[in-house]
Amino acid sequence: MKILTESEKNFLMESIRDVPDFPKPGIIFKDITTLLNDKNAYKMLMDHLAARYEDAALDFVAGIESRGFIFGAALASRLGIGFVPIRKKGKLPAATIAEKYALEYGFDEVEIHIDAFGGKKGAKVLLIDDLIATGGTAAAAAKLIRDAGGECVEACFVINLAFLGGVEKLSGIAPHYSVLEVR
């Protein structure tokens, strides 16, 4: 399995723009749009992810709305497998199952189609998103994969905001991998 060098990680991190005080004061938002529009950085990232998962015998890549769609659909295409969207409540057109998760103030829900894996029980699924912060959405999405009959073989994030402890919420649900860590 290919490992990124420190200089490659630094290159990718430098391609991500920090936006202070977004969406509220005190937050430093990690804006991946600058990575996406840097052809060399995006290619390096996608080459790395394709190499990491090419021998994993995956059946599907599931992406969390909305930035997980960008990486997930591209990776699924490279691996020659299907892509499954995990969306906020009310956005999928057919029968779904949902998982609630806690927010700082209240709750939110994500959904997946009940037939997301085409009836393939035990489908091997990679979950992907751009970033993991507190982990609520990722844990809910991994549970949805299981509830829909799949096996979440790994949850992959471009960035882990490690100081928020989100990957701990995946403990016992799915293994995890982050390309970049912010401590």
C-alpha atoms as a PDB file:
ATOM      1  CA  MET A   1       0.000   0.000   0.000  1.00  0.00           C
ATOM      2  CA  LYS A   2       1.453   3.331  -1.073  1.00  0.00           C
ATOM      3  CA  ILE A   3       2.375   5.756   1.698  1.00  0.00           C
ATOM      4  CA  LEU A   4       2.722   9.476   1.042  1.00  0.00           C
ATOM      5  CA  THR A   5       6.045  11.073   1.869  1.00  0.00           C
ATOM      6  CA  GLU A   6       6.156  14.028   4.232  1.00  0.00           C
ATOM      7  CA  SER A   7       6.902  16.337   1.295  1.00  0.00           C
ATOM      8  CA  GLU A   8       3.848  14.996  -0.589  1.00  0.00           C
ATOM      9  CA  LYS A   9       1.686  15.510   2.495  1.00  0.00           C
ATOM     10  CA  ASN A  10       3.063  19.039   2.859  1.00  0.00           C
ATOM     11  CA  PHE A  11       2.336  19.743  -0.814  1.00  0.00           C
ATOM     12  CA  LEU A  12      -1.278  18.602  -0.390  1.00  0.00           C
ATOM     13  CA  MET A  13      -1.710  20.550   2.858  1.00  0.00           C
ATOM     14  CA  GLU A  14      -0.326  23.692   1.244  1.00  0.00           C
ATOM     15  CA  SER A  15      -2.885  23.324  -1.560  1.00  0.00           C
ATOM     16  CA  ILE A  16      -5.730  23.646   0.981  1.00  0.00           C
ATOM     17  CA  ARG A  17      -6.759  27.189   1.843  1.00  0.00           C
ATOM     18  CA  ASP A  18      -7.478  28.228   5.449  1.00  0.00           C
ATOM     19  CA  VAL A  19     -10.480  30.560   5.761  1.00  0.00           C
ATOM     20  CA  PRO A  20     -10.568  32.234   9.193  1.00  0.00           C
ATOM     21  CA  ASP A  21     -13.846  32.857  10.996  1.00  0.00           C
ATOM     22  CA  PHE A  22     -15.944  30.674   8.678  1.00  0.00           C
ATOM     23  CA  PRO A  23     -18.708  29.654   9.195  1.00  0.00           C
ATOM     24  CA  LYS A  24     -18.494  31.478  12.530  1.00  0.00           C
ATOM     25  CA  PRO A  25     -15.882  33.417  14.523  1.00  0.00           C
ATOM     26  CA  GLY A  26     -13.050  31.304  15.904  1.00  0.00           C
ATOM     27  CA  ILE A  27     -13.299  28.562  13.265  1.00  0.00           C
ATOM     28  CA  ILE A  28     -10.526  28.096  10.705  1.00  0.00           C
ATOM     29  CA  PHE A  29     -12.252  26.407   7.757  1.00  0.00           C
ATOM     30  CA  LYS A  30     -10.191  24.013   5.614  1.00  0.00           C
ATOM     31  CA  ASP A  31     -11.254  24.916   2.070  1.00  0.00           C
ATOM     32  CA  ILE A  32     -10.556  22.020  -0.323  1.00  0.00           C
ATOM     33  CA  THR A  33     -11.649  23.948  -3.425  1.00  0.00           C
ATOM     34  CA  THR A  34      -8.072  25.137  -3.838  1.00  0.00           C
ATOM     35  CA  LEU A  35      -6.860  21.511  -3.809  1.00  0.00           C
ATOM     36  CA  LEU A  36      -9.505  20.584  -6.370  1.00  0.00           C
ATOM     37  CA  ASN A  37      -8.528  23.345  -8.787  1.00  0.00           C
ATOM     38  CA  ASP A  38      -4.812  22.537  -8.491  1.00  0.00           C
ATOM     39  CA  LYS A  39      -4.461  19.808 -11.124  1.00  0.00           C
ATOM     40  CA  ASN A  40      -1.212  18.491  -9.630  1.00  0.00           C
ATOM     41  CA  ALA A  41      -2.511  18.294  -6.061  1.00  0.00           C
ATOM     42  CA  TYR A  42      -5.835  16.705  -7.049  1.00  0.00           C
ATOM     43  CA  LYS A  43      -4.084  14.168  -9.283  1.00  0.00           C
ATOM     44  CA  MET A  44      -1.597  13.298  -6.542  1.00  0.00           C
ATOM     45  CA  LEU A  45      -4.390  12.769  -4.042  1.00  0.00           C
ATOM     46  CA  MET A  46      -6.514  10.647  -6.377  1.00  0.00           C
ATOM     47  CA  ASP A  47      -3.487   8.607  -7.506  1.00  0.00           C
ATOM     48  CA  HIS A  48      -2.693   7.929  -3.855  1.00  0.00           C
ATOM     49  CA  LEU A  49      -6.256   6.869  -3.018  1.00  0.00           C
ATOM     50  CA  ALA A  50      -6.530   4.663  -6.114  1.00  0.00           C
ATOM     51  CA  ALA A  51      -3.237   2.949  -5.230  1.00  0.00           C
ATOM     52  CA  ARG A  52      -4.335   2.477  -1.620  1.00  0.00           C
ATOM     53  CA  TYR A  53      -7.612   0.770  -2.539  1.00  0.00           C
ATOM     54  CA  GLU A  54      -6.889  -0.940  -5.885  1.00  0.00           C
ATOM     55  CA  ASP A  55      -6.334  -4.348  -4.249  1.00  0.00           C
ATOM     56  CA  ALA A  56      -9.023  -4.025  -1.558  1.00  0.00           C
ATOM     57  CA  ALA A  57     -11.654  -5.941  -3.591  1.00  0.00           C
ATOM     58  CA  LEU A  58     -14.203  -3.197  -2.934  1.00  0.00           C
ATOM     59  CA  ASP A  59     -17.697  -3.372  -4.378  1.00  0.00           C
ATOM     60  CA  PHE A  60     -18.691   0.267  -3.799  1.00  0.00           C
ATOM     61  CA  VAL A  61     -17.449   3.642  -2.645  1.00  0.00           C
ATOM     62  CA  ALA A  62     -19.962   5.590  -0.526  1.00  0.00           C
ATOM     63  CA  GLY A  63     -19.533   9.357  -0.265  1.00  0.00           C
ATOM     64  CA  ILE A  64     -21.014  11.635   2.360  1.00  0.00           C
ATOM     65  CA  GLU A  65     -22.874  14.701   1.064  1.00  0.00           C
ATOM     66  CA  SER A  66     -21.565  16.815  -0.416  1.00  0.00           C
ATOM     67  CA  ARG A  67     -17.789  17.001  -0.615  1.00  0.00           C
ATOM     68  CA  GLY A  68     -17.495  13.238  -0.192  1.00  0.00           C
ATOM     69  CA  PHE A  69     -19.240  12.984  -3.566  1.00  0.00           C
ATOM     70  CA  ILE A  70     -16.320  14.751  -5.271  1.00  0.00           C
ATOM     71  CA  PHE A  71     -13.703  12.288  -4.057  1.00  0.00           C
ATOM     72  CA  GLY A  72     -15.956   9.236  -3.883  1.00  0.00           C
ATOM     73  CA  ALA A  73     -17.348   9.347  -7.418  1.00  0.00           C
ATOM     74  CA  ALA A  74     -13.910  10.000  -8.925  1.00  0.00           C
ATOM     75  CA  LEU A  75     -12.351   7.168  -6.914  1.00  0.00           C
ATOM     76  CA  ALA A  76     -15.167   4.726  -7.742  1.00  0.00           C
ATOM     77  CA  SER A  77     -14.689   5.493 -11.434  1.00  0.00           C
ATOM     78  CA  ARG A  78     -10.940   4.880 -11.183  1.00  0.00           C
ATOM     79  CA  LEU A  79     -11.523   1.587  -9.362  1.00  0.00           C
ATOM     80  CA  GLY A  80     -14.229   0.485 -11.808  1.00  0.00           C
ATOM     81  CA  ILE A  81     -16.899   0.088  -9.118  1.00  0.00           C
ATOM     82  CA  GLY A  82     -20.190   1.735  -8.177  1.00  0.00           C
ATOM     83  CA  PHE A  83     -20.709   4.922  -6.195  1.00  0.00           C
ATOM     84  CA  VAL A  84     -23.338   5.291  -3.459  1.00  0.00           C
ATOM     85  CA  PRO A  85     -24.412   8.710  -2.138  1.00  0.00           C
ATOM     86  CA  ILE A  86     -25.155   9.189   1.553  1.00  0.00           C
ATOM     87  CA  ARG A  87     -27.326  12.294   1.779  1.00  0.00           C
ATOM     88  CA  LYS A  88     -29.051  14.544   4.241  1.00  0.00           C
ATOM     89  CA  LYS A  89     -32.612  13.597   5.094  1.00  0.00           C
ATOM     90  CA  GLY A  90     -35.179  14.053   2.338  1.00  0.00           C
ATOM     91  CA  LYS A  91     -32.762  14.304  -0.606  1.00  0.00           C
ATOM     92  CA  LEU A  92     -32.903  10.724  -1.968  1.00  0.00           C
ATOM     93  CA  PRO A  93     -35.846   9.880  -4.240  1.00  0.00           C
ATOM     94  CA  ALA A  94     -36.573   6.214  -3.393  1.00  0.00           C
ATOM     95  CA  ALA A  95     -37.058   4.233  -0.160  1.00  0.00           C
ATOM     96  CA  THR A  96     -34.326   4.957   2.395  1.00  0.00           C
ATOM     97  CA  ILE A  97     -33.079   4.145   5.854  1.00  0.00           C
ATOM     98  CA  ALA A  98     -31.839   6.940   8.102  1.00  0.00           C
ATOM     99  CA  GLU A  99     -29.446   7.424  10.990  1.00  0.00           C
ATOM    100  CA  LYS A 100     -29.642  10.350  13.431  1.00  0.00           C
ATOM    101  CA  TYR A 101     -26.574  11.920  14.967  1.00  0.00           C
ATOM    102  CA  ALA A 102     -25.972  14.629  17.525  1.00  0.00           C
ATOM    103  CA  LEU A 103     -24.857  18.130  16.664  1.00  0.00           C
ATOM    104  CA  GLU A 104     -23.594  20.772  19.058  1.00  0.00           C
ATOM    105  CA  TYR A 105     -27.178  22.016  19.374  1.00  0.00           C
ATOM    106  CA  GLY A 106     -29.696  19.393  18.247  1.00  0.00           C
ATOM    107  CA  PHE A 107     -29.667  16.525  15.767  1.00  0.00           C
ATOM    108  CA  ASP A 108     -29.330  15.855  12.075  1.00  0.00           C
ATOM    109  CA  GLU A 109     -29.935  12.792   9.890  1.00  0.00           C
ATOM    110  CA  VAL A 110     -28.324  11.109   6.918  1.00  0.00           C
ATOM    111  CA  GLU A 111     -29.930   8.566   4.603  1.00  0.00           C
ATOM    112  CA  ILE A 112     -29.042   5.838   2.141  1.00  0.00           C
ATOM    113  CA  HIS A 113     -31.266   3.981  -0.315  1.00  0.00           C
ATOM    114  CA  ILE A 114     -32.358   0.630   1.092  1.00  0.00           C
ATOM    115  CA  ASP A 115     -31.178  -1.010  -2.153  1.00  0.00           C
ATOM    116  CA  ALA A 116     -27.923   0.979  -2.346  1.00  0.00           C
ATOM    117  CA  PHE A 117     -25.814  -2.146  -2.825  1.00  0.00           C
ATOM    118  CA  GLY A 118     -28.070  -3.772  -5.409  1.00  0.00           C
ATOM    119  CA  GLY A 119     -29.082  -6.569  -3.074  1.00  0.00           C
ATOM    120  CA  LYS A 120     -25.479  -7.706  -2.584  1.00  0.00           C
ATOM    121  CA  LYS A 121     -25.339  -8.720   1.088  1.00  0.00           C
ATOM    122  CA  GLY A 122     -21.957  -8.123   2.651  1.00  0.00           C
ATOM    123  CA  ALA A 123     -20.877  -5.719  -0.101  1.00  0.00           C
ATOM    124  CA  LYS A 124     -17.431  -4.329   0.685  1.00  0.00           C
ATOM    125  CA  VAL A 125     -17.795  -0.564   0.917  1.00  0.00           C
ATOM    126  CA  LEU A 126     -15.307   2.254   1.360  1.00  0.00           C
ATOM    127  CA  LEU A 127     -16.766   5.336   3.052  1.00  0.00           C
ATOM    128  CA  ILE A 128     -15.165   8.627   2.039  1.00  0.00           C
ATOM    129  CA  ASP A 129     -15.442  12.298   2.942  1.00  0.00           C
ATOM    130  CA  ASP A 130     -13.247  15.357   2.695  1.00  0.00           C
ATOM    131  CA  LEU A 131     -12.876  15.906   6.424  1.00  0.00           C
ATOM    132  CA  ILE A 132     -13.644  14.382   9.808  1.00  0.00           C
ATOM    133  CA  ALA A 133     -14.183  16.777  12.699  1.00  0.00           C
ATOM    134  CA  THR A 134     -16.310  15.576  15.613  1.00  0.00           C
ATOM    135  CA  GLY A 135     -17.206  12.326  13.846  1.00  0.00           C
ATOM    136  CA  GLY A 136     -20.984  12.287  14.186  1.00  0.00           C
ATOM    137  CA  THR A 137     -21.756  12.279  10.472  1.00  0.00           C
ATOM    138  CA  ALA A 138     -19.068   9.694   9.688  1.00  0.00           C
ATOM    139  CA  ALA A 139     -20.228   7.321  12.427  1.00  0.00           C
ATOM    140  CA  ALA A 140     -23.846   7.651  11.269  1.00  0.00           C
ATOM    141  CA  ALA A 141     -22.822   6.991   7.646  1.00  0.00           C
ATOM    142  CA  ALA A 142     -20.795   3.903   8.601  1.00  0.00           C
ATOM    143  CA  LYS A 143     -23.792   2.566  10.547  1.00  0.00           C
ATOM    144  CA  LEU A 144     -26.027   3.170   7.505  1.00  0.00           C
ATOM    145  CA  ILE A 145     -23.700   1.105   5.328  1.00  0.00           C
ATOM    146  CA  ARG A 146     -24.003  -1.753   7.821  1.00  0.00           C
ATOM    147  CA  ASP A 147     -27.780  -1.337   8.130  1.00  0.00           C
ATOM    148  CA  ALA A 148     -28.136  -1.449   4.326  1.00  0.00           C
ATOM    149  CA  GLY A 149     -26.352  -4.820   4.274  1.00  0.00           C
ATOM    150  CA  GLY A 150     -22.829  -3.676   3.469  1.00  0.00           C
ATOM    151  CA  GLU A 151     -19.537  -3.928   5.289  1.00  0.00           C
ATOM    152  CA  CYS A 152     -17.734  -0.622   5.824  1.00  0.00           C
ATOM    153  CA  VAL A 153     -14.180  -1.866   5.286  1.00  0.00           C
ATOM    154  CA  GLU A 154     -12.702   1.565   5.974  1.00  0.00           C
ATOM    155  CA  ALA A 155     -13.698   5.190   6.460  1.00  0.00           C
ATOM    156  CA  CYS A 156     -11.325   7.462   4.546  1.00  0.00           C
ATOM    157  CA  PHE A 157     -10.889  11.201   5.016  1.00  0.00           C
ATOM    158  CA  VAL A 158      -8.692  13.657   3.167  1.00  0.00           C
ATOM    159  CA  ILE A 159      -8.268  15.642   6.421  1.00  0.00           C
ATOM    160  CA  ASN A 160      -8.613  14.564  10.045  1.00  0.00           C
ATOM    161  CA  LEU A 161      -8.998  17.424  12.515  1.00  0.00           C
ATOM    162  CA  ALA A 162      -7.388  15.204  15.153  1.00  0.00           C
ATOM    163  CA  PHE A 163      -7.784  17.740  17.980  1.00  0.00           C
ATOM    164  CA  LEU A 164     -11.576  17.230  17.775  1.00  0.00           C
ATOM    165  CA  GLY A 165     -11.372  13.452  18.314  1.00  0.00           C
ATOM    166  CA  GLY A 166     -13.836  12.455  15.598  1.00  0.00           C
ATOM    167  CA  VAL A 167     -12.148   9.196  14.615  1.00  0.00           C
ATOM    168  CA  GLU A 168     -12.810   7.846  18.114  1.00  0.00           C
ATOM    169  CA  LYS A 169     -16.530   7.800  17.262  1.00  0.00           C
ATOM    170  CA  LEU A 170     -15.715   5.234  14.564  1.00  0.00           C
ATOM    171  CA  SER A 171     -14.221   2.848  17.121  1.00  0.00           C
ATOM    172  CA  GLY A 172     -15.997  -0.480  16.869  1.00  0.00           C
ATOM    173  CA  ILE A 173     -17.861   0.637  13.715  1.00  0.00           C
ATOM    174  CA  ALA A 174     -15.144   0.840  11.044  1.00  0.00           C
ATOM    175  CA  PRO A 175     -11.388   1.226  10.677  1.00  0.00           C
ATOM    176  CA  HIS A 176     -10.295   4.646   9.460  1.00  0.00           C
ATOM    177  CA  TYR A 177      -7.597   6.276   7.365  1.00  0.00           C
ATOM    178  CA  SER A 178      -6.767   9.941   6.935  1.00  0.00           C
ATOM    179  CA  VAL A 179      -4.469  11.282   4.243  1.00  0.00           C
ATOM    180  CA  LEU A 180      -3.676  14.437   6.252  1.00  0.00           C
ATOM    181  CA  GLU A 181      -3.805  15.183   9.989  1.00  0.00           C
ATOM    182  CA  VAL A 182      -4.332  18.573  11.597  1.00  0.00           C
ATOM    183  CA  ARG A 183      -3.316  18.457  15.264  1.00  0.00           C
END
